[in-house]
Protein backbone atom coordinates (compact mmCIF):
# COMPACT_ATOMS: atom_id res chain seq x y z
CA MET A 1 93.64 94.02 73.19
CA GLY A 2 94.73 91.61 75.94
CA PHE A 3 94.49 93.27 79.31
CA ARG A 4 96.61 95.20 81.79
CA CYS A 5 96.95 94.07 85.40
CA GLY A 6 98.35 96.19 88.21
CA ILE A 7 100.06 94.05 90.84
CA VAL A 8 99.60 95.50 94.32
CA GLY A 9 100.25 94.32 97.85
CA LEU A 10 102.12 95.06 101.04
CA PRO A 11 105.92 94.96 101.01
CA ASN A 12 107.53 91.51 101.11
CA VAL A 13 104.52 89.47 100.01
CA GLY A 14 106.30 88.22 96.88
CA LYS A 15 105.01 90.79 94.37
CA SER A 16 108.26 91.47 92.57
CA THR A 17 109.33 87.82 92.69
CA LEU A 18 106.04 86.87 91.08
CA PHE A 19 106.31 89.68 88.53
CA ASN A 20 109.80 88.55 87.53
CA ALA A 21 108.67 84.97 87.16
CA LEU A 22 105.48 85.71 85.24
CA THR A 23 107.23 87.98 82.79
CA GLU A 24 110.39 85.86 82.78
CA THR A 25 112.49 88.95 83.34
CA ALA A 26 114.58 90.42 86.11
CA ALA A 27 113.16 93.87 85.45
CA ALA A 28 111.87 94.22 89.00
CA GLN A 29 114.45 94.06 91.75
CA ALA A 30 113.28 91.40 94.21
CA ALA A 31 114.72 92.08 97.65
CA ASN A 32 113.78 91.40 101.24
CA TYR A 33 113.10 94.96 102.34
CA PRO A 34 110.20 97.41 101.87
CA PHE A 35 110.03 99.70 98.83
CA CYS A 36 112.61 97.85 96.73
CA THR A 37 110.36 98.67 93.75
CA ILE A 38 110.68 102.41 93.19
CA GLU A 39 109.43 102.61 89.61
CA PRO A 40 106.42 100.77 88.23
CA ASN A 41 107.77 97.97 86.04
CA VAL A 42 105.76 96.82 83.06
CA GLY A 43 106.17 93.39 81.54
CA ASN A 44 104.29 92.04 78.54
CA VAL A 45 103.72 88.31 78.33
CA ALA A 46 102.26 86.19 75.56
CA VAL A 47 99.02 84.51 76.58
CA PRO A 48 99.50 80.74 76.12
CA ASP A 49 96.68 79.12 74.14
CA PRO A 50 97.04 75.53 72.84
CA ARG A 51 94.32 76.24 70.27
CA LEU A 52 96.62 78.67 68.47
CA ASP A 53 99.26 75.94 68.16
CA LYS A 54 96.75 73.59 66.51
CA LEU A 55 95.44 76.24 64.12
CA SER A 56 98.97 77.25 63.11
CA GLU A 57 99.95 73.65 62.46
CA ILE A 58 96.92 72.89 60.28
CA ALA A 59 97.25 76.12 58.28
CA GLY A 60 101.03 75.79 57.93
CA SER A 61 101.39 79.36 59.23
CA GLN A 62 104.90 80.79 59.06
CA LYS A 63 104.48 82.34 62.51
CA LYS A 64 101.99 82.53 65.33
CA ILE A 65 101.23 85.61 67.42
CA GLU A 66 99.63 85.29 70.83
CA THR A 67 97.58 88.01 72.42
CA GLN A 68 99.46 90.05 75.02
CA LEU A 69 98.93 90.56 78.73
CA ALA A 70 100.68 93.40 80.54
CA PHE A 71 101.68 93.19 84.20
CA VAL A 72 102.46 96.43 86.02
CA ASP A 73 104.47 95.85 89.20
CA ILE A 74 103.53 98.66 91.59
CA ALA A 75 105.49 99.33 94.79
CA GLY A 76 104.30 97.88 98.08
CA LEU A 77 101.67 100.00 99.80
CA VAL A 78 101.51 100.54 103.56
CA ARG A 79 99.07 102.17 105.95
CA GLY A 80 98.94 105.88 105.25
CA ALA A 81 99.82 105.53 101.55
CA SER A 82 96.78 107.63 100.63
CA LYS A 83 98.31 110.42 102.76
CA GLY A 84 101.77 110.02 101.27
CA GLU A 85 103.23 107.49 103.74
CA GLY A 86 105.93 105.21 102.38
CA LEU A 87 106.02 105.87 98.66
CA GLY A 88 102.32 106.77 98.78
CA ASN A 89 100.60 108.80 96.10
CA GLN A 90 103.47 108.41 93.66
CA PHE A 91 102.10 104.94 92.92
CA LEU A 92 98.35 105.31 93.37
CA GLY A 93 98.15 106.98 89.96
CA ASN A 94 99.66 103.93 88.28
CA ILE A 95 96.71 101.82 89.41
CA ARG A 96 94.28 104.10 87.56
CA GLU A 97 95.71 102.99 84.22
CA VAL A 98 95.06 99.24 84.60
CA ASP A 99 92.07 97.06 83.71
CA ALA A 100 92.22 94.92 86.85
CA VAL A 101 93.98 95.00 90.21
CA VAL A 102 95.90 91.88 91.24
CA HIS A 103 96.25 91.73 95.02
CA VAL A 104 99.21 89.50 95.87
CA LEU A 105 98.65 88.16 99.39
CA ARG A 106 101.18 86.38 101.55
CA CYS A 107 99.78 82.96 102.44
CA PHE A 108 102.99 81.35 103.69
CA GLU A 109 105.08 81.24 106.85
CA ASN A 110 108.79 82.03 106.59
CA ASP A 111 110.84 83.41 109.48
CA ASP A 112 113.53 84.57 107.06
CA ILE A 113 111.21 86.97 105.25
CA GLN A 114 110.03 89.90 107.33
CA HIS A 115 106.34 90.80 107.24
CA VAL A 116 105.64 94.50 107.53
CA ASP A 117 103.20 93.78 110.41
CA ASN A 118 105.26 90.88 111.83
CA HIS A 119 102.48 88.31 111.36
CA VAL A 120 100.84 86.48 108.45
CA ASP A 121 97.20 87.45 107.86
CA PRO A 122 96.24 87.73 104.17
CA ILE A 123 92.75 89.05 104.92
CA ALA A 124 94.14 91.89 107.03
CA ASP A 125 96.75 92.57 104.33
CA ALA A 126 94.05 92.80 101.65
CA GLU A 127 92.01 95.15 103.84
CA THR A 128 95.04 97.38 104.50
CA VAL A 129 95.65 97.85 100.77
CA GLU A 130 91.95 98.23 99.98
CA THR A 131 91.53 100.81 102.75
CA GLU A 132 94.31 102.98 101.34
CA LEU A 133 92.77 102.80 97.87
CA MET A 134 89.32 103.63 99.28
CA LEU A 135 90.69 106.62 101.21
CA ALA A 136 92.32 107.94 98.03
CA ASP A 137 89.03 107.52 96.11
CA LEU A 138 87.07 109.12 98.96
CA GLU A 139 89.30 112.18 98.98
CA SER A 140 89.02 112.48 95.20
CA LEU A 141 85.22 112.15 95.04
CA GLU A 142 84.55 114.49 97.97
CA LYS A 143 86.16 117.19 95.85
CA ARG A 144 84.65 116.19 92.50
CA VAL A 145 81.04 115.32 93.28
CA PRO A 146 79.96 118.72 94.71
CA ASN A 147 81.33 120.45 91.60
CA LEU A 148 79.48 118.00 89.37
CA VAL A 149 76.23 118.57 91.29
CA LYS A 150 76.56 122.34 90.74
CA LYS A 151 77.12 121.85 87.00
CA ALA A 152 74.18 119.42 86.83
CA GLN A 153 71.91 122.01 88.49
CA GLN A 154 72.99 124.47 85.80
CA GLY A 155 71.73 122.10 83.09
CA ASP A 156 74.94 120.22 82.15
CA LYS A 157 73.62 116.81 81.03
CA GLU A 158 76.97 115.03 81.19
CA ALA A 159 77.64 116.41 84.67
CA LYS A 160 74.20 115.13 85.75
CA ILE A 161 75.11 111.59 84.71
CA GLN A 162 78.52 111.80 86.39
CA ALA A 163 77.07 113.29 89.57
CA ALA A 164 74.49 110.50 89.79
CA VAL A 165 76.85 107.56 89.42
CA LEU A 166 79.81 109.05 91.31
CA GLY A 167 77.46 110.15 94.07
CA LYS A 168 76.48 106.50 94.54
CA ALA A 169 80.16 105.54 94.59
CA LEU A 170 80.87 108.24 97.20
CA ASP A 171 78.07 106.90 99.44
CA LEU A 172 79.61 103.42 99.30
CA LEU A 173 83.08 104.70 100.12
CA ARG A 174 81.72 106.60 103.12
CA GLU A 175 80.29 103.28 104.30
CA GLY A 176 83.72 101.68 103.97
CA LYS A 177 82.86 99.76 100.79
CA PRO A 178 84.81 99.79 97.49
CA ALA A 179 83.49 101.76 94.54
CA ARG A 180 83.28 98.65 92.34
CA LEU A 181 80.04 97.75 94.18
CA THR A 182 78.35 100.79 92.61
CA GLU A 183 75.18 99.88 90.71
CA VAL A 184 75.01 101.63 87.34
CA ALA A 185 71.61 102.40 85.88
CA ASP A 186 72.49 102.34 82.17
CA HIS A 187 75.25 102.46 79.56
CA GLU A 188 75.84 106.19 80.08
CA GLU A 189 76.39 105.73 83.81
CA ALA A 190 78.66 102.74 83.15
CA ARG A 191 80.77 104.86 80.78
CA ALA A 192 80.95 107.75 83.27
CA PHE A 193 81.98 105.36 86.05
CA GLU A 194 84.71 103.81 83.91
CA GLN A 195 86.05 107.22 82.85
CA ALA A 196 86.36 108.24 86.52
CA GLN A 197 89.18 105.65 86.88
CA LEU A 198 88.50 105.05 90.55
CA LEU A 199 91.12 102.92 92.27
CA THR A 200 88.51 100.71 93.95
CA GLY A 201 86.36 100.67 90.83
CA LYS A 202 88.66 98.09 89.22
CA PRO A 203 87.82 94.36 89.22
CA VAL A 204 90.00 92.46 91.71
CA LEU A 205 91.93 89.21 91.41
CA TYR A 206 93.47 87.86 94.61
CA VAL A 207 96.69 85.87 94.12
CA CYS A 208 97.49 83.68 97.13
CA ASN A 209 101.28 83.30 97.26
CA VAL A 210 101.94 79.95 98.99
CA ASN A 211 104.91 77.71 99.73
CA GLU A 212 105.83 75.00 97.21
CA GLU A 213 104.11 72.21 99.16
CA ASP A 214 100.79 74.10 99.07
CA ALA A 215 100.89 75.05 95.38
CA ALA A 216 98.53 72.29 94.24
CA ASN A 217 95.77 72.57 96.84
CA GLY A 218 96.37 75.77 98.79
CA ASN A 219 96.24 76.02 102.60
CA ALA A 220 94.18 77.46 105.42
CA TYR A 221 95.30 81.00 104.58
CA SER A 222 94.32 80.75 100.91
CA ALA A 223 90.98 79.13 101.82
CA LYS A 224 90.05 82.31 103.72
CA VAL A 225 91.01 84.42 100.71
CA PHE A 226 88.81 82.31 98.41
CA GLU A 227 85.89 82.85 100.82
CA LYS A 228 86.51 86.60 100.72
CA ALA A 229 86.70 86.61 96.91
CA LYS A 230 83.45 84.66 96.58
CA ALA A 231 81.64 87.05 98.92
CA GLU A 232 82.83 90.04 96.87
CA GLY A 233 82.28 88.61 93.40
CA ALA A 234 86.04 88.71 92.85
CA GLU A 235 88.38 85.96 91.62
CA ALA A 236 91.20 84.17 93.45
CA VAL A 237 94.00 81.81 92.43
CA VAL A 238 96.77 79.96 94.26
CA VAL A 239 100.32 80.54 93.00
CA SER A 240 103.75 79.76 94.40
CA ALA A 241 106.06 82.60 93.39
CA ALA A 242 109.03 80.37 94.25
CA ILE A 243 107.87 77.69 91.81
CA GLU A 244 107.11 80.24 89.11
CA ALA A 245 110.59 81.71 89.55
CA GLU A 246 112.10 78.24 89.07
CA ILE A 247 109.95 77.52 86.02
CA ALA A 248 111.05 80.81 84.45
CA THR A 249 114.66 79.58 84.35
CA MET A 250 113.82 76.23 82.72
CA PRO A 251 113.80 75.34 79.02
CA PRO A 252 110.17 75.10 77.85
CA GLU A 253 110.46 71.36 77.14
CA GLU A 254 111.30 70.62 80.80
CA ARG A 255 108.48 72.60 82.39
CA GLY A 256 105.71 70.05 81.89
CA GLU A 257 107.55 67.28 83.70
CA PHE A 258 108.51 69.64 86.54
CA LEU A 259 104.89 70.71 87.01
CA GLU A 260 103.74 67.09 86.94
CA GLU A 261 106.18 66.18 89.71
CA LEU A 262 104.63 68.91 91.86
CA GLY A 263 101.09 67.76 91.11
CA LEU A 264 100.34 70.85 89.01
CA GLU A 265 98.52 70.81 85.68
CA GLU A 266 99.57 74.28 84.57
CA THR A 267 101.73 77.26 85.49
CA GLY A 268 100.64 80.05 87.78
CA LEU A 269 100.68 82.37 84.78
CA ALA A 270 98.05 80.23 83.05
CA ARG A 271 95.85 80.31 86.16
CA VAL A 272 96.21 84.07 86.53
CA ILE A 273 95.35 84.61 82.86
CA ARG A 274 92.29 82.36 82.95
CA ALA A 275 91.01 84.06 86.11
CA GLY A 276 91.69 87.47 84.56
CA TYR A 277 89.75 86.64 81.41
CA LYS A 278 86.82 85.44 83.52
CA LEU A 279 86.96 88.52 85.75
CA LEU A 280 87.01 90.94 82.81
CA ASN A 281 84.55 88.91 80.72
CA LEU A 282 86.96 88.45 77.79
CA LEU A 283 87.16 85.92 74.99
CA THR A 284 89.57 85.01 72.20
CA PHE A 285 89.03 84.79 68.44
CA PHE A 286 91.59 83.87 65.79
CA THR A 287 92.73 84.89 62.34
CA VAL A 288 94.57 82.14 60.45
CA GLY A 289 96.50 82.08 57.19
CA PRO A 290 99.75 80.88 55.61
CA LYS A 291 101.68 83.93 56.82
CA GLU A 292 100.48 83.94 60.44
CA ALA A 293 98.01 82.52 62.93
CA ARG A 294 97.03 85.12 65.50
CA ALA A 295 94.94 85.34 68.66
CA TRP A 296 92.87 88.43 69.46
CA THR A 297 91.00 89.41 72.62
CA VAL A 298 87.61 91.13 72.84
CA GLU A 299 84.94 91.54 75.48
CA ALA A 300 82.30 88.84 75.53
CA GLY A 301 79.22 90.11 73.71
CA SER A 302 81.26 91.98 71.08
CA LYS A 303 79.82 91.94 67.58
CA ALA A 304 81.75 91.13 64.41
CA PRO A 305 82.56 94.76 63.46
CA GLN A 306 84.01 95.40 66.94
CA ALA A 307 86.20 92.32 66.59
CA ALA A 308 87.32 93.54 63.18
CA GLY A 309 88.21 96.88 64.78
CA GLU A 310 90.69 95.11 67.08
CA ILE A 311 92.72 94.33 63.97
CA HIS A 312 92.38 97.75 62.32
CA THR A 313 89.92 100.63 62.58
CA ASP A 314 89.40 100.48 58.79
CA PHE A 315 88.11 96.91 59.16
CA GLU A 316 85.38 98.11 61.50
CA ARG A 317 84.58 101.26 59.54
CA GLY A 318 84.21 99.43 56.24
CA PHE A 319 82.91 96.11 57.60
CA ILE A 320 80.93 94.03 55.09
CA ARG A 321 80.86 90.51 56.57
CA ALA A 322 82.93 87.97 58.47
CA GLU A 323 83.66 84.49 57.18
CA THR A 324 83.49 82.48 60.39
CA ILE A 325 84.41 78.92 61.39
CA ALA A 326 84.03 77.53 64.91
CA PHE A 327 87.33 76.29 66.31
CA ASP A 328 86.14 72.67 66.65
CA ASP A 329 84.87 72.68 63.06
CA TYR A 330 88.16 74.11 61.78
CA ILE A 331 90.09 71.30 63.50
CA ALA A 332 87.65 68.54 62.54
CA CYS A 333 87.59 69.61 58.89
CA GLY A 334 91.37 70.02 58.63
CA GLY A 335 91.31 73.74 57.93
CA GLU A 336 89.44 76.42 55.99
CA ALA A 337 89.00 74.53 52.72
CA GLY A 338 87.62 71.46 54.47
CA ALA A 339 85.28 73.57 56.57
CA ARG A 340 84.03 75.37 53.46
CA ASP A 341 83.38 72.06 51.67
CA ALA A 342 81.56 70.70 54.71
CA GLY A 343 79.33 73.76 54.94
CA LYS A 344 80.87 74.82 58.26
CA LEU A 345 82.09 78.22 57.02
CA ARG A 346 79.43 80.81 57.78
CA GLN A 347 78.90 84.31 56.35
CA GLU A 348 78.11 86.50 59.35
CA GLY A 349 76.92 90.12 59.29
CA LYS A 350 77.12 93.18 61.53
CA GLU A 351 74.88 91.75 64.27
CA TYR A 352 76.84 88.53 64.74
CA VAL A 353 78.07 88.10 68.33
CA VAL A 354 81.59 86.66 68.40
CA HIS A 355 82.08 83.31 70.16
CA ASP A 356 85.19 82.18 71.99
CA GLY A 357 87.42 80.27 69.56
CA ASP A 358 85.88 81.64 66.34
CA VAL A 359 88.25 81.63 63.36
CA MET A 360 87.38 84.75 61.37
CA LEU A 361 88.23 86.40 58.06
CA PHE A 362 86.86 89.92 57.67
CA LYS A 363 85.65 91.42 54.40
CA PHE A 364 85.63 95.21 54.33
CA ASN A 365 85.59 98.17 51.95
CA VAL A 366 86.83 101.70 52.69
């Protein structure tokens, strides 16, 4: 599963530079002028997980397969984008297809890089982008909700659910608040809200792009962004796009020492991924064998059959049980055989809730 992040922000905040670095590609043209990104670029990256390395080594797996994260680099938005200004509506639709919105915010001073508003203010930048997304959602819902209300009055049950939840979202937008603050009453409303694909209905991760010297601890600009994120129930991380770009060109064996010299424990990619998993309430389970060790991503709270379905729909349809070993037990016992001998291999049924790090083997019959 992994997840799909849409990278948004004003022009010249470092979006494309960060995208290039995170995906270790030059797919997005990074240039110091607005609208240099004229097509949404998509880059898939493997999610680094040291646990997979350990499992693969113990099992003697021929290969290891990480779960995948997709970044979608969407062109810089400006005021009036919801009305077609700049490259406008051409790009708003791309945001609807992602699981989370990554707001890249400029938190650095640099006279050589022009800011679209000629001053550095990450909070104002975030509000500019959010406002355009809210205006687009507002326009959409003001057309949709009245039609849904009419259908609901005619006895359409599904329209009644949609009208209720989207009506609440419309009220929030009219108050100048994002749709993601909408309170859903039950599972049916939650499903209807998700299917509406509202731009401001997506969870938000703020990425504070700082200079190299601020990469470890952030600065006054990023501190304000973290306050904003906390107040909204969003997530925020500090990243230096310049450092990430440099890391992307290095051999893997040299990256650790380089990070250490800068006082960093991990790459910006690792921080973004961890924050994204937390934001979307995701966890990782593993399948391990001599041919391959593989990481899989599911929502926290998923039961064993749902996890099996991530591998193949037949696994979920014909689910019988899941042989399960906790990651720590697998390591401590030296693998599956040792865990079985030590009584650490459990037979779990359809109601078992998957835990982060579970090593699982699914039994099924179709």
